[in-house]
Amino acid sequence: MRGANRVLVGLSLTLLVCSTLRAQDDSDKINSNVGVVVTRPLGSTAKFVNTSWGFTGGAGYNFSANHSVIGEFMWSALYPSGGALQPIRVALSDNSITGHSNLYTLTANYRFQWQGGLLGVYFIGGGGWYYRTLGFTSPVTSGTGIACTPAWLFWGFTCVSGTVAANQTVGGYGSSVFGGNIGVGFTVKIADPSYRVYIEPRYHYAPTKNVNTRLLVVTVGIRY
């Protein structure tokens, strides 16, 4: 339910901002978008995170029919995989251990687009703030003599000489870094003056603590 609440609040705020911007300027200079995302982890991230979902929204300025800048917010629930939790459960003989992870991004992006009467295509890329949070449902204490594996580092435990620091309690942590993204999008005009459905695969990278965040994010939404 908390994830659903985030989506409802985020979509409401995005639509409010978009409506306000368009009310202030009825020309084609203001652009905005809102959509649902499916997040596929890549590389080392895929060892600890499952495919997940979230939402995105943004608004920006069109310098011309081809060139635009867009500020965007994205949230994705990065569901921890068995590879992230099972080593902890086995080492502590506790199968009840569960956790959660989220990614929040706030980015500035450049878009180069071609828009026909019905179909359009664009390239987009940029960078900004990437904030990934991880946490256990209840704090976990490491015990003693446990071999250090990537899963322990992923959850924020400290290792010393190849073993997890003894009797270390971790509830969760966050990693805030600068990251970047690049992608391509395809649009279909659905209404005047410029309402378009879009689908957009985009690659995101951020050097977050202990395990880098690498994601393929596919967005389906509406641009106007």
Protein backbone atom coordinates (compact mmCIF):
# COMPACT_ATOMS: atom_id res chain seq x y z
CA MET A 1 0.00 0.00 0.00
CA ARG A 2 2.84 2.42 0.67
CA GLY A 3 4.03 2.00 -2.91
CA ALA A 4 0.53 2.65 -4.23
CA ASN A 5 0.29 5.78 -2.11
CA ARG A 6 3.59 7.05 -3.54
CA VAL A 7 2.24 6.53 -7.05
CA LEU A 8 -1.01 8.36 -6.35
CA VAL A 9 0.75 11.29 -4.68
CA GLY A 10 3.40 11.49 -7.40
CA LEU A 11 0.89 11.34 -10.25
CA SER A 12 -1.33 13.95 -8.59
CA LEU A 13 1.55 16.37 -8.08
CA THR A 14 2.83 15.84 -11.62
CA LEU A 15 -0.59 16.43 -13.18
CA LEU A 16 -1.07 19.53 -11.03
CA VAL A 17 2.28 20.99 -12.13
CA CYS A 18 1.60 20.14 -15.77
CA SER A 19 -1.87 21.72 -15.67
CA THR A 20 -0.50 24.86 -14.02
CA LEU A 21 2.28 25.22 -16.57
CA ARG A 22 -0.05 24.80 -19.53
CA ALA A 23 -2.53 27.25 -18.02
CA GLN A 24 0.24 29.84 -17.82
CA ASP A 25 1.45 29.25 -21.38
CA ASP A 26 -0.90 27.85 -24.05
CA SER A 27 1.84 27.83 -26.69
CA ASP A 28 3.93 24.79 -27.59
CA LYS A 29 6.86 25.98 -25.47
CA ILE A 30 5.93 23.97 -22.37
CA ASN A 31 6.19 20.17 -22.40
CA SER A 32 5.21 17.65 -19.73
CA ASN A 33 4.90 13.89 -19.29
CA VAL A 34 3.65 11.26 -16.89
CA GLY A 35 4.03 7.50 -17.11
CA VAL A 36 4.39 4.09 -15.49
CA VAL A 37 7.82 2.43 -15.54
CA VAL A 38 8.98 -1.18 -15.58
CA THR A 39 12.53 -1.53 -14.28
CA ARG A 40 14.81 -4.37 -15.38
CA PRO A 41 18.10 -4.67 -13.44
CA LEU A 42 21.32 -5.18 -15.39
CA GLY A 43 24.85 -6.36 -14.58
CA SER A 44 25.74 -6.64 -10.89
CA THR A 45 22.43 -5.03 -9.93
CA ALA A 46 20.57 -8.06 -11.33
CA LYS A 47 22.19 -10.29 -8.68
CA PHE A 48 20.30 -8.49 -5.93
CA VAL A 49 17.20 -6.87 -7.45
CA ASN A 50 14.17 -8.26 -9.31
CA THR A 51 12.21 -6.63 -12.11
CA SER A 52 10.03 -3.95 -10.53
CA TRP A 53 7.75 -1.03 -11.31
CA GLY A 54 7.25 2.65 -10.49
CA PHE A 55 6.25 5.96 -12.03
CA THR A 56 7.82 9.03 -13.61
CA GLY A 57 6.74 12.56 -14.36
CA GLY A 58 8.33 15.70 -15.72
CA ALA A 59 8.02 19.10 -17.31
CA GLY A 60 10.28 21.25 -19.44
CA TYR A 61 10.77 23.80 -22.19
CA ASN A 62 10.76 23.40 -25.99
CA PHE A 63 13.38 25.59 -27.67
CA SER A 64 12.08 24.49 -31.07
CA ALA A 65 10.15 21.64 -32.67
CA ASN A 66 13.27 19.46 -32.33
CA HIS A 67 15.12 20.59 -29.19
CA SER A 68 13.83 20.43 -25.61
CA VAL A 69 15.01 20.28 -22.01
CA ILE A 70 13.05 18.29 -19.40
CA GLY A 71 13.26 17.97 -15.63
CA GLU A 72 12.03 14.56 -14.46
CA PHE A 73 11.33 12.70 -11.23
CA MET A 74 11.25 8.90 -11.12
CA TRP A 75 10.50 6.39 -8.38
CA SER A 76 11.04 2.64 -8.72
CA ALA A 77 10.50 -0.09 -6.14
CA LEU A 78 13.63 -2.22 -6.49
CA TYR A 79 12.37 -5.52 -5.07
CA PRO A 80 15.24 -7.49 -3.43
CA SER A 81 15.86 -10.89 -5.02
CA GLY A 82 16.59 -14.24 -3.42
CA GLY A 83 20.26 -13.65 -4.20
CA ALA A 84 20.20 -10.62 -1.92
CA LEU A 85 18.32 -12.21 1.00
CA GLN A 86 19.09 -15.94 0.93
CA PRO A 87 22.78 -15.68 1.99
CA ILE A 88 21.71 -13.60 5.02
CA ARG A 89 18.93 -16.05 5.93
CA VAL A 90 21.21 -19.08 5.62
CA ALA A 91 24.06 -17.55 7.64
CA LEU A 92 21.70 -16.54 10.46
CA SER A 93 19.35 -19.56 10.15
CA ASP A 94 16.39 -17.21 9.88
CA ASN A 95 14.09 -17.52 6.86
CA SER A 96 11.85 -14.71 8.10
CA ILE A 97 14.34 -11.98 7.12
CA THR A 98 12.86 -9.67 4.49
CA GLY A 99 13.87 -6.32 3.06
CA HIS A 100 12.98 -3.52 0.68
CA SER A 101 14.72 -1.13 -1.69
CA ASN A 102 13.69 2.00 -3.58
CA LEU A 103 15.26 4.27 -6.17
CA TYR A 104 14.44 7.98 -6.44
CA THR A 105 15.86 10.13 -9.23
CA LEU A 106 15.69 13.82 -10.08
CA THR A 107 17.32 14.53 -13.44
CA ALA A 108 17.76 17.24 -16.07
CA ASN A 109 17.57 15.87 -19.63
CA TYR A 110 17.98 17.00 -23.25
CA ARG A 111 15.62 15.64 -25.91
CA PHE A 112 16.06 15.73 -29.70
CA GLN A 113 12.88 14.73 -31.50
CA TRP A 114 11.13 14.39 -34.86
CA GLN A 115 7.34 14.57 -34.72
CA GLY A 116 5.16 13.78 -37.72
CA GLY A 117 1.42 14.12 -38.02
CA LEU A 118 0.86 10.79 -36.25
CA LEU A 119 4.17 9.15 -35.32
CA GLY A 120 7.32 10.53 -33.72
CA VAL A 121 10.72 9.44 -32.44
CA TYR A 122 13.20 11.07 -30.08
CA PHE A 123 16.52 10.59 -28.32
CA ILE A 124 16.90 11.63 -24.70
CA GLY A 125 19.73 11.74 -22.18
CA GLY A 126 20.89 13.55 -19.08
CA GLY A 127 21.89 13.21 -15.47
CA GLY A 128 21.23 14.22 -11.91
CA TRP A 129 20.48 12.98 -8.42
CA TYR A 130 20.08 9.22 -7.82
CA TYR A 131 19.09 8.13 -4.32
CA ARG A 132 18.82 4.39 -3.54
CA THR A 133 17.52 3.19 -0.18
CA LEU A 134 17.77 -0.30 1.30
CA GLY A 135 16.46 -1.67 4.55
CA PHE A 136 15.40 -4.78 6.41
CA THR A 137 11.86 -5.07 7.69
CA SER A 138 13.45 -5.48 11.13
CA PRO A 139 17.11 -4.74 12.03
CA VAL A 140 19.48 -7.67 11.45
CA THR A 141 22.51 -8.53 13.62
CA SER A 142 25.37 -10.32 11.90
CA GLY A 143 26.68 -12.64 14.65
CA THR A 144 30.31 -13.84 14.48
CA GLY A 145 32.57 -15.69 12.05
CA ILE A 146 30.45 -15.08 8.93
CA ALA A 147 32.27 -15.02 5.59
CA CYS A 148 31.87 -11.73 3.75
CA THR A 149 29.92 -12.11 0.50
CA PRO A 150 28.55 -9.43 -1.86
CA ALA A 151 25.06 -9.83 -0.37
CA TRP A 152 26.26 -8.59 3.04
CA LEU A 153 27.91 -5.57 1.41
CA PHE A 154 24.77 -4.87 -0.61
CA TRP A 155 22.77 -4.47 2.60
CA GLY A 156 25.37 -2.16 4.11
CA PHE A 157 27.31 -4.44 6.44
CA THR A 158 31.02 -3.78 7.02
CA CYS A 159 33.54 -6.56 6.41
CA VAL A 160 36.96 -6.93 8.02
CA SER A 161 39.63 -9.32 6.69
CA GLY A 162 37.12 -11.34 4.70
CA THR A 163 34.49 -11.70 7.43
CA VAL A 164 31.44 -9.66 8.39
CA ALA A 165 32.15 -7.41 11.39
CA ALA A 166 30.97 -9.27 14.49
CA ASN A 167 27.61 -8.49 16.09
CA GLN A 168 26.90 -5.66 13.67
CA THR A 169 23.29 -4.47 13.55
CA VAL A 170 21.98 -2.96 10.32
CA GLY A 171 18.50 -1.61 9.74
CA GLY A 172 19.05 0.14 6.42
CA TYR A 173 20.90 2.91 4.64
CA GLY A 174 20.73 5.24 1.66
CA SER A 175 23.21 6.10 -1.09
CA SER A 176 22.99 9.50 -2.80
CA VAL A 177 25.12 9.98 -5.93
CA PHE A 178 25.22 11.63 -9.35
CA GLY A 179 24.09 9.35 -12.17
CA GLY A 180 23.15 9.47 -15.82
CA ASN A 181 20.78 8.07 -18.41
CA ILE A 182 20.31 7.74 -22.17
CA GLY A 183 17.47 6.36 -24.26
CA VAL A 184 15.11 6.54 -27.21
CA GLY A 185 11.36 7.03 -27.37
CA PHE A 186 8.49 6.50 -29.81
CA THR A 187 5.26 8.51 -29.82
CA VAL A 188 1.76 8.23 -31.30
CA LYS A 189 -0.45 11.33 -31.42
CA ILE A 190 -3.85 10.69 -29.83
CA ALA A 191 -5.46 14.14 -29.54
CA ASP A 192 -5.03 17.82 -30.33
CA PRO A 193 -3.13 19.97 -29.77
CA SER A 194 -0.20 17.66 -28.95
CA TYR A 195 -1.24 14.76 -26.72
CA ARG A 196 0.88 11.68 -27.46
CA VAL A 197 1.22 8.20 -26.04
CA TYR A 198 4.89 7.26 -25.71
CA ILE A 199 6.99 4.20 -25.03
CA GLU A 200 10.57 4.77 -23.99
CA PRO A 201 13.41 2.37 -23.09
CA ARG A 202 16.17 4.17 -21.22
CA TYR A 203 19.44 3.00 -19.62
CA HIS A 204 20.24 4.39 -16.17
CA TYR A 205 23.56 4.17 -14.32
CA ALA A 206 24.57 5.43 -10.88
CA PRO A 207 27.68 4.48 -8.85
CA THR A 208 25.71 3.80 -5.66
CA LYS A 209 27.42 2.49 -2.52
CA ASN A 210 28.75 -1.09 -2.56
CA VAL A 211 26.77 -2.16 -5.67
CA ASN A 212 26.37 0.12 -8.70
CA THR A 213 22.84 0.70 -9.96
CA ARG A 214 22.39 -0.33 -13.61
CA LEU A 215 18.85 -0.44 -14.96
CA LEU A 216 16.88 -0.69 -18.18
CA VAL A 217 13.76 1.37 -17.54
CA VAL A 218 10.83 1.07 -19.98
CA THR A 219 8.21 3.81 -19.62
CA VAL A 220 4.70 3.88 -21.06
CA GLY A 221 2.83 7.15 -20.62
CA ILE A 222 1.47 10.35 -22.09
CA ARG A 223 3.39 13.41 -23.28
CA TYR A 224 1.82 16.80 -23.87
